[in-house]
PDB file of N, CA and C in Angstrom:
ATOM      1  N   MET A   1     106.925 187.788 105.135  1.00  0.00           N
ATOM      2  CA  MET A   1     108.210 187.521 105.737  1.00  0.00           C
ATOM      3  C   MET A   1     108.739 188.812 106.341  1.00  0.00           C
ATOM      4  N   ALA A   2     109.258 188.707 107.525  1.00  0.00           N
ATOM      5  CA  ALA A   2     109.800 189.876 108.199  1.00  0.00           C
ATOM      6  C   ALA A   2     111.134 190.257 107.584  1.00  0.00           C
ATOM      7  N   GLU A   3     111.385 191.530 107.571  1.00  0.00           N
ATOM      8  CA  GLU A   3     112.645 192.037 107.034  1.00  0.00           C
ATOM      9  C   GLU A   3     113.563 192.397 108.194  1.00  0.00           C
ATOM     10  N   TYR A   4     114.721 191.758 108.254  1.00  0.00           N
ATOM     11  CA  TYR A   4     115.708 192.030 109.282  1.00  0.00           C
ATOM     12  C   TYR A   4     116.937 192.643 108.631  1.00  0.00           C
ATOM     13  N   SER A   5     117.644 193.464 109.384  1.00  0.00           N
ATOM     14  CA  SER A   5     118.866 194.060 108.852  1.00  0.00           C
ATOM     15  C   SER A   5     119.932 192.976 108.712  1.00  0.00           C
ATOM     16  N   GLN A   6     120.945 193.250 107.916  1.00  0.00           N
ATOM     17  CA  GLN A   6     121.991 192.269 107.669  1.00  0.00           C
ATOM     18  C   GLN A   6     122.810 191.969 108.914  1.00  0.00           C
ATOM     19  N   THR A   7     122.759 192.817 109.902  1.00  0.00           N
ATOM     20  CA  THR A   7     123.508 192.574 111.134  1.00  0.00           C
ATOM     21  C   THR A   7     122.716 191.735 112.139  1.00  0.00           C
ATOM     22  N   SER A   8     121.455 191.476 111.845  1.00  0.00           N
ATOM     23  CA  SER A   8     120.619 190.694 112.746  1.00  0.00           C
ATOM     24  C   SER A   8     120.936 189.208 112.603  1.00  0.00           C
ATOM     25  N   ARG A   9     120.863 188.490 113.713  1.00  0.00           N
ATOM     26  CA  ARG A   9     121.081 187.048 113.638  1.00  0.00           C
ATOM     27  C   ARG A   9     119.932 186.333 112.932  1.00  0.00           C
ATOM     28  N   TYR A  10     118.839 187.026 112.703  1.00  0.00           N
ATOM     29  CA  TYR A  10     117.676 186.449 112.027  1.00  0.00           C
ATOM     30  C   TYR A  10     117.634 186.796 110.535  1.00  0.00           C
ATOM     31  N   TYR A  11     118.690 187.403 110.004  1.00  0.00           N
ATOM     32  CA  TYR A  11     118.686 187.897 108.629  1.00  0.00           C
ATOM     33  C   TYR A  11     118.353 186.812 107.610  1.00  0.00           C
ATOM     34  N   ASN A  12     118.963 185.660 107.676  1.00  0.00           N
ATOM     35  CA  ASN A  12     118.738 184.601 106.694  1.00  0.00           C
ATOM     36  C   ASN A  12     117.802 183.514 107.190  1.00  0.00           C
ATOM     37  N   VAL A  13     117.064 183.773 108.249  1.00  0.00           N
ATOM     38  CA  VAL A  13     116.172 182.769 108.813  1.00  0.00           C
ATOM     39  C   VAL A  13     114.796 182.890 108.163  1.00  0.00           C
ATOM     40  N   ASP A  14     114.290 181.765 107.684  1.00  0.00           N
ATOM     41  CA  ASP A  14     112.949 181.742 107.112  1.00  0.00           C
ATOM     42  C   ASP A  14     111.940 181.851 108.242  1.00  0.00           C
ATOM     43  N   THR A  15     111.143 182.887 108.241  1.00  0.00           N
ATOM     44  CA  THR A  15     110.210 183.122 109.351  1.00  0.00           C
ATOM     45  C   THR A  15     108.789 182.727 109.013  1.00  0.00           C
ATOM     46  N   GLU A  16     108.570 182.158 107.847  1.00  0.00           N
ATOM     47  CA  GLU A  16     107.228 181.723 107.482  1.00  0.00           C
ATOM     48  C   GLU A  16     107.144 180.213 107.582  1.00  0.00           C
ATOM     49  N   PHE A  17     106.226 179.733 108.399  1.00  0.00           N
ATOM     50  CA  PHE A  17     106.023 178.298 108.548  1.00  0.00           C
ATOM     51  C   PHE A  17     104.599 178.074 109.020  1.00  0.00           C
ATOM     52  N   ASP A  18     104.124 176.876 108.799  1.00  0.00           N
ATOM     53  CA  ASP A  18     102.772 176.516 109.195  1.00  0.00           C
ATOM     54  C   ASP A  18     102.820 175.647 110.437  1.00  0.00           C
ATOM     55  N   LEU A  19     101.935 175.947 111.373  1.00  0.00           N
ATOM     56  CA  LEU A  19     101.775 175.113 112.547  1.00  0.00           C
ATOM     57  C   LEU A  19     100.410 174.451 112.479  1.00  0.00           C
ATOM     58  N   PRO A  20     100.307 173.204 112.930  1.00  0.00           N
ATOM     59  CA  PRO A  20      98.985 172.574 112.933  1.00  0.00           C
ATOM     60  C   PRO A  20      98.047 173.315 113.871  1.00  0.00           C
ATOM     61  N   GLN A  21      96.842 173.508 113.439  1.00  0.00           N
ATOM     62  CA  GLN A  21      95.853 174.225 114.240  1.00  0.00           C
ATOM     63  C   GLN A  21      95.065 173.232 115.071  1.00  0.00           C
ATOM     64  N   MET A  22      95.446 173.081 116.334  1.00  0.00           N
ATOM     65  CA  MET A  22      94.719 172.180 117.231  1.00  0.00           C
ATOM     66  C   MET A  22      93.980 173.036 118.235  1.00  0.00           C
ATOM     67  N   ASN A  23      92.729 173.238 118.005  1.00  0.00           N
ATOM     68  CA  ASN A  23      91.930 174.024 118.927  1.00  0.00           C
ATOM     69  C   ASN A  23      90.685 173.229 119.255  1.00  0.00           C
ATOM     70  N   LEU A  24      90.665 172.637 120.431  1.00  0.00           N
ATOM     71  CA  LEU A  24      89.532 171.810 120.834  1.00  0.00           C
ATOM     72  C   LEU A  24      88.259 172.628 120.999  1.00  0.00           C
ATOM     73  N   LEU A  25      88.401 173.935 121.167  1.00  0.00           N
ATOM     74  CA  LEU A  25      87.226 174.754 121.428  1.00  0.00           C
ATOM     75  C   LEU A  25      86.407 175.013 120.171  1.00  0.00           C
ATOM     76  N   ASN A  26      87.025 174.926 119.005  1.00  0.00           N
ATOM     77  CA  ASN A  26      86.328 175.227 117.758  1.00  0.00           C
ATOM     78  C   ASN A  26      85.988 173.975 116.967  1.00  0.00           C
ATOM     79  N   THR A  27      85.788 172.871 117.649  1.00  0.00           N
ATOM     80  CA  THR A  27      85.459 171.629 116.964  1.00  0.00           C
ATOM     81  C   THR A  27      84.038 171.205 117.323  1.00  0.00           C
ATOM     82  N   ASN A  28      83.587 170.179 116.693  1.00  0.00           N
ATOM     83  CA  ASN A  28      82.237 169.683 116.940  1.00  0.00           C
ATOM     84  C   ASN A  28      82.255 168.425 117.807  1.00  0.00           C
ATOM     85  N   TYR A  29      83.083 168.430 118.834  1.00  0.00           N
ATOM     86  CA  TYR A  29      83.141 167.293 119.736  1.00  0.00           C
ATOM     87  C   TYR A  29      81.840 167.154 120.499  1.00  0.00           C
ATOM     88  N   SER A  30      81.436 165.916 120.714  1.00  0.00           N
ATOM     89  CA  SER A  30      80.332 165.689 121.632  1.00  0.00           C
ATOM     90  C   SER A  30      80.932 165.589 123.024  1.00  0.00           C
ATOM     91  N   TYR A  31      80.164 165.975 124.004  1.00  0.00           N
ATOM     92  CA  TYR A  31      80.708 165.983 125.347  1.00  0.00           C
ATOM     93  C   TYR A  31      79.644 165.640 126.371  1.00  0.00           C
ATOM     94  N   ASP A  32      80.125 165.204 127.519  1.00  0.00           N
ATOM     95  CA  ASP A  32      79.294 164.980 128.686  1.00  0.00           C
ATOM     96  C   ASP A  32      79.543 166.144 129.635  1.00  0.00           C
ATOM     97  N   THR A  33      78.747 166.244 130.656  1.00  0.00           N
ATOM     98  CA  THR A  33      79.010 167.237 131.689  1.00  0.00           C
ATOM     99  C   THR A  33      79.323 166.530 132.988  1.00  0.00           C
ATOM    100  N   ALA A  34      80.137 167.164 133.790  1.00  0.00           N
ATOM    101  CA  ALA A  34      80.491 166.630 135.106  1.00  0.00           C
ATOM    102  C   ALA A  34      80.563 167.796 136.072  1.00  0.00           C
ATOM    103  N   THR A  35      80.203 167.548 137.296  1.00  0.00           N
ATOM    104  CA  THR A  35      80.289 168.556 138.344  1.00  0.00           C
ATOM    105  C   THR A  35      81.494 168.228 139.214  1.00  0.00           C
ATOM    106  N   VAL A  36      82.317 169.245 139.487  1.00  0.00           N
ATOM    107  CA  VAL A  36      83.487 169.045 140.334  1.00  0.00           C
ATOM    108  C   VAL A  36      83.019 168.742 141.750  1.00  0.00           C
ATOM    109  N   LEU A  37      83.496 167.629 142.294  1.00  0.00           N
ATOM    110  CA  LEU A  37      83.145 167.229 143.650  1.00  0.00           C
ATOM    111  C   LEU A  37      83.998 168.004 144.648  1.00  0.00           C
ATOM    112  N   ALA A  38      83.553 168.061 145.893  1.00  0.00           N
ATOM    113  CA  ALA A  38      84.289 168.790 146.925  1.00  0.00           C
ATOM    114  C   ALA A  38      85.699 168.232 147.083  1.00  0.00           C
ATOM    115  N   SER A  39      85.856 166.925 146.968  1.00  0.00           N
ATOM    116  CA  SER A  39      87.178 166.307 147.123  1.00  0.00           C
ATOM    117  C   SER A  39      88.090 166.590 145.929  1.00  0.00           C
ATOM    118  N   GLU A  40      87.531 167.060 144.797  1.00  0.00           N
ATOM    119  CA  GLU A  40      88.297 167.339 143.582  1.00  0.00           C
ATOM    120  C   GLU A  40      88.543 168.830 143.376  1.00  0.00           C
ATOM    121  N   SER A  41      88.142 169.652 144.294  1.00  0.00           N
ATOM    122  CA  SER A  41      88.228 171.101 144.142  1.00  0.00           C
ATOM    123  C   SER A  41      89.647 171.535 143.779  1.00  0.00           C
ATOM    124  N   GLY A  42      89.786 172.205 142.651  1.00  0.00           N
ATOM    125  CA  GLY A  42      91.088 172.667 142.193  1.00  0.00           C
ATOM    126  C   GLY A  42      91.981 171.575 141.644  1.00  0.00           C
ATOM    127  N   ARG A  43      91.452 170.390 141.409  1.00  0.00           N
ATOM    128  CA  ARG A  43      92.256 169.256 140.949  1.00  0.00           C
ATOM    129  C   ARG A  43      91.625 168.622 139.712  1.00  0.00           C
ATOM    130  N   LEU A  44      91.927 169.179 138.557  1.00  0.00           N
ATOM    131  CA  LEU A  44      91.386 168.612 137.329  1.00  0.00           C
ATOM    132  C   LEU A  44      91.942 167.226 137.040  1.00  0.00           C
ATOM    133  N   ASP A  45      93.096 166.906 137.620  1.00  0.00           N
ATOM    134  CA  ASP A  45      93.621 165.553 137.432  1.00  0.00           C
ATOM    135  C   ASP A  45      92.709 164.519 138.082  1.00  0.00           C
ATOM    136  N   LEU A  46      92.054 164.885 139.195  1.00  0.00           N
ATOM    137  CA  LEU A  46      91.124 163.969 139.835  1.00  0.00           C
ATOM    138  C   LEU A  46      89.828 163.838 139.036  1.00  0.00           C
ATOM    139  N   VAL A  47      89.408 164.940 138.413  1.00  0.00           N
ATOM    140  CA  VAL A  47      88.235 164.878 137.533  1.00  0.00           C
ATOM    141  C   VAL A  47      88.554 163.983 136.336  1.00  0.00           C
ATOM    142  N   SER A  48      89.748 164.137 135.781  1.00  0.00           N
ATOM    143  CA  SER A  48      90.175 163.295 134.669  1.00  0.00           C
ATOM    144  C   SER A  48      90.231 161.829 135.079  1.00  0.00           C
ATOM    145  N   LEU A  49      90.705 161.562 136.272  1.00  0.00           N
ATOM    146  CA  LEU A  49      90.759 160.187 136.762  1.00  0.00           C
ATOM    147  C   LEU A  49      89.358 159.586 136.842  1.00  0.00           C
ATOM    148  N   ARG A  50      88.410 160.369 137.329  1.00  0.00           N
ATOM    149  CA  ARG A  50      87.031 159.871 137.455  1.00  0.00           C
ATOM    150  C   ARG A  50      86.387 159.676 136.085  1.00  0.00           C
ATOM    151  N   MET A  51      86.616 160.599 135.162  1.00  0.00           N
ATOM    152  CA  MET A  51      85.923 160.553 133.876  1.00  0.00           C
ATOM    153  C   MET A  51      86.630 159.674 132.835  1.00  0.00           C
ATOM    154  N   TYR A  52      87.960 159.688 132.840  1.00  0.00           N
ATOM    155  CA  TYR A  52      88.720 158.964 131.815  1.00  0.00           C
ATOM    156  C   TYR A  52      89.512 157.778 132.361  1.00  0.00           C
ATOM    157  N   ASN A  53      89.447 157.536 133.652  1.00  0.00           N
ATOM    158  CA  ASN A  53      90.226 156.479 134.299  1.00  0.00           C
ATOM    159  C   ASN A  53      91.733 156.704 134.208  1.00  0.00           C
ATOM    160  N   THR A  54      92.151 157.921 133.990  1.00  0.00           N
ATOM    161  CA  THR A  54      93.562 158.296 134.003  1.00  0.00           C
ATOM    162  C   THR A  54      93.660 159.784 134.348  1.00  0.00           C
ATOM    163  N   PRO A  55      94.622 160.175 135.176  1.00  0.00           N
ATOM    164  CA  PRO A  55      94.746 161.578 135.544  1.00  0.00           C
ATOM    165  C   PRO A  55      95.465 162.423 134.502  1.00  0.00           C
ATOM    166  N   VAL A  56      96.080 161.820 133.499  1.00  0.00           N
ATOM    167  CA  VAL A  56      96.925 162.567 132.569  1.00  0.00           C
ATOM    168  C   VAL A  56      96.150 163.429 131.569  1.00  0.00           C
ATOM    169  N   ASN A  57      94.859 163.226 131.443  1.00  0.00           N
ATOM    170  CA  ASN A  57      94.070 164.004 130.473  1.00  0.00           C
ATOM    171  C   ASN A  57      93.436 165.248 131.081  1.00  0.00           C
ATOM    172  N   TRP A  58      93.954 165.707 132.212  1.00  0.00           N
ATOM    173  CA  TRP A  58      93.391 166.897 132.862  1.00  0.00           C
ATOM    174  C   TRP A  58      93.482 168.117 131.948  1.00  0.00           C
ATOM    175  N   TRP A  59      94.534 168.186 131.143  1.00  0.00           N
ATOM    176  CA  TRP A  59      94.740 169.349 130.284  1.00  0.00           C
ATOM    177  C   TRP A  59      93.678 169.432 129.186  1.00  0.00           C
ATOM    178  N   ILE A  60      93.130 168.307 128.767  1.00  0.00           N
ATOM    179  CA  ILE A  60      92.062 168.314 127.763  1.00  0.00           C
ATOM    180  C   ILE A  60      90.813 168.963 128.354  1.00  0.00           C
ATOM    181  N   ILE A  61      90.506 168.614 129.595  1.00  0.00           N
ATOM    182  CA  ILE A  61      89.357 169.213 130.283  1.00  0.00           C
ATOM    183  C   ILE A  61      89.591 170.704 130.449  1.00  0.00           C
ATOM    184  N   ALA A  62      90.808 171.082 130.832  1.00  0.00           N
ATOM    185  CA  ALA A  62      91.118 172.502 131.026  1.00  0.00           C
ATOM    186  C   ALA A  62      90.971 173.277 129.722  1.00  0.00           C
ATOM    187  N   GLN A  63      91.528 172.764 128.633  1.00  0.00           N
ATOM    188  CA  GLN A  63      91.452 173.473 127.357  1.00  0.00           C
ATOM    189  C   GLN A  63      90.022 173.527 126.843  1.00  0.00           C
ATOM    190  N   PHE A  64      89.286 172.449 126.968  1.00  0.00           N
ATOM    191  CA  PHE A  64      87.917 172.397 126.467  1.00  0.00           C
ATOM    192  C   PHE A  64      87.003 173.373 127.200  1.00  0.00           C
ATOM    193  N   ASN A  65      87.331 173.657 128.474  1.00  0.00           N
ATOM    194  CA  ASN A  65      86.523 174.567 129.276  1.00  0.00           C
ATOM    195  C   ASN A  65      87.157 175.947 129.434  1.00  0.00           C
ATOM    196  N   SER A  66      88.205 176.230 128.666  1.00  0.00           N
ATOM    197  CA  SER A  66      88.924 177.514 128.716  1.00  0.00           C
ATOM    198  C   SER A  66      89.406 177.843 130.123  1.00  0.00           C
ATOM    199  N   ILE A  67      89.938 176.848 130.806  1.00  0.00           N
ATOM    200  CA  ILE A  67      90.444 177.043 132.164  1.00  0.00           C
ATOM    201  C   ILE A  67      91.948 177.234 132.091  1.00  0.00           C
ATOM    202  N   ILE A  68      92.411 178.379 132.561  1.00  0.00           N
ATOM    203  CA  ILE A  68      93.838 178.665 132.587  1.00  0.00           C
ATOM    204  C   ILE A  68      94.447 178.199 133.904  1.00  0.00           C
ATOM    205  N   ASN A  69      93.768 178.480 134.986  1.00  0.00           N
ATOM    206  CA  ASN A  69      94.239 178.090 136.316  1.00  0.00           C
ATOM    207  C   ASN A  69      93.330 176.988 136.852  1.00  0.00           C
ATOM    208  N   PRO A  70      93.820 175.756 136.972  1.00  0.00           N
ATOM    209  CA  PRO A  70      92.973 174.647 137.429  1.00  0.00           C
ATOM    210  C   PRO A  70      92.371 174.870 138.813  1.00  0.00           C
ATOM    211  N   GLU A  71      92.983 175.731 139.620  1.00  0.00           N
ATOM    212  CA  GLU A  71      92.452 175.976 140.958  1.00  0.00           C
ATOM    213  C   GLU A  71      91.115 176.718 140.927  1.00  0.00           C
ATOM    214  N   THR A  72      90.738 177.260 139.781  1.00  0.00           N
ATOM    215  CA  THR A  72      89.450 177.948 139.679  1.00  0.00           C
ATOM    216  C   THR A  72      88.292 176.966 139.553  1.00  0.00           C
ATOM    217  N   ALA A  73      88.592 175.702 139.325  1.00  0.00           N
ATOM    218  CA  ALA A  73      87.543 174.680 139.235  1.00  0.00           C
ATOM    219  C   ALA A  73      87.210 174.206 140.643  1.00  0.00           C
ATOM    220  N   VAL A  74      86.400 174.992 141.335  1.00  0.00           N
ATOM    221  CA  VAL A  74      86.042 174.679 142.714  1.00  0.00           C
ATOM    222  C   VAL A  74      84.840 173.740 142.733  1.00  0.00           C
ATOM    223  N   ALA A  75      84.543 173.202 143.888  1.00  0.00           N
ATOM    224  CA  ALA A  75      83.415 172.281 144.040  1.00  0.00           C
ATOM    225  C   ALA A  75      82.140 172.928 143.510  1.00  0.00           C
ATOM    226  N   GLY A  76      81.397 172.179 142.743  1.00  0.00           N
ATOM    227  CA  GLY A  76      80.149 172.673 142.170  1.00  0.00           C
ATOM    228  C   GLY A  76      80.288 173.204 140.760  1.00  0.00           C
ATOM    229  N   THR A  77      81.528 173.397 140.277  1.00  0.00           N
ATOM    230  CA  THR A  77      81.749 173.871 138.908  1.00  0.00           C
ATOM    231  C   THR A  77      81.294 172.793 137.923  1.00  0.00           C
ATOM    232  N   VAL A  78      80.480 173.177 136.958  1.00  0.00           N
ATOM    233  CA  VAL A  78      80.022 172.238 135.935  1.00  0.00           C
ATOM    234  C   VAL A  78      80.997 172.328 134.757  1.00  0.00           C
ATOM    235  N   LEU A  79      81.579 171.189 134.405  1.00  0.00           N
ATOM    236  CA  LEU A  79      82.558 171.126 133.320  1.00  0.00           C
ATOM    237  C   LEU A  79      82.009 170.336 132.138  1.00  0.00           C
ATOM    238  N   LYS A  80      82.415 170.746 130.949  1.00  0.00           N
ATOM    239  CA  LYS A  80      82.132 169.963 129.755  1.00  0.00           C
ATOM    240  C   LYS A  80      83.288 168.998 129.574  1.00  0.00           C
ATOM    241  N   ILE A  81      82.981 167.718 129.452  1.00  0.00           N
ATOM    242  CA  ILE A  81      83.995 166.674 129.318  1.00  0.00           C
ATOM    243  C   ILE A  81      83.887 166.076 127.925  1.00  0.00           C
ATOM    244  N   PRO A  82      84.874 166.361 127.036  1.00  0.00           N
ATOM    245  CA  PRO A  82      84.785 165.806 125.678  1.00  0.00           C
ATOM    246  C   PRO A  82      84.958 164.301 125.692  1.00  0.00           C
ATOM    247  N   ARG A  83      84.244 163.646 124.794  1.00  0.00           N
ATOM    248  CA  ARG A  83      84.405 162.195 124.648  1.00  0.00           C
ATOM    249  C   ARG A  83      85.628 161.940 123.806  1.00  0.00           C
ATOM    250  N   LEU A  84      86.500 161.095 124.297  1.00  0.00           N
ATOM    251  CA  LEU A  84      87.747 160.786 123.575  1.00  0.00           C
ATOM    252  C   LEU A  84      87.601 159.551 122.723  1.00  0.00           C
TER     253      LEU A  84
END
């Protein structure tokens, strides 16, 4: 627990808590591979639409492939697609 001075607004705040550890990268998920098409370049939502039939799971593909900026997924990029 962090020690704050009595004048700090955090003085009586409990700073120890547990957060659920959700890390898709350190799991044993089975996955398929997909190649980004030219029409999907920089658009993981379109890859998600093709693979999962919904564009909303683009963030799962990004996290599973350690992609911070979706625009780096250019045509020809091979992605690991986890099975949901």
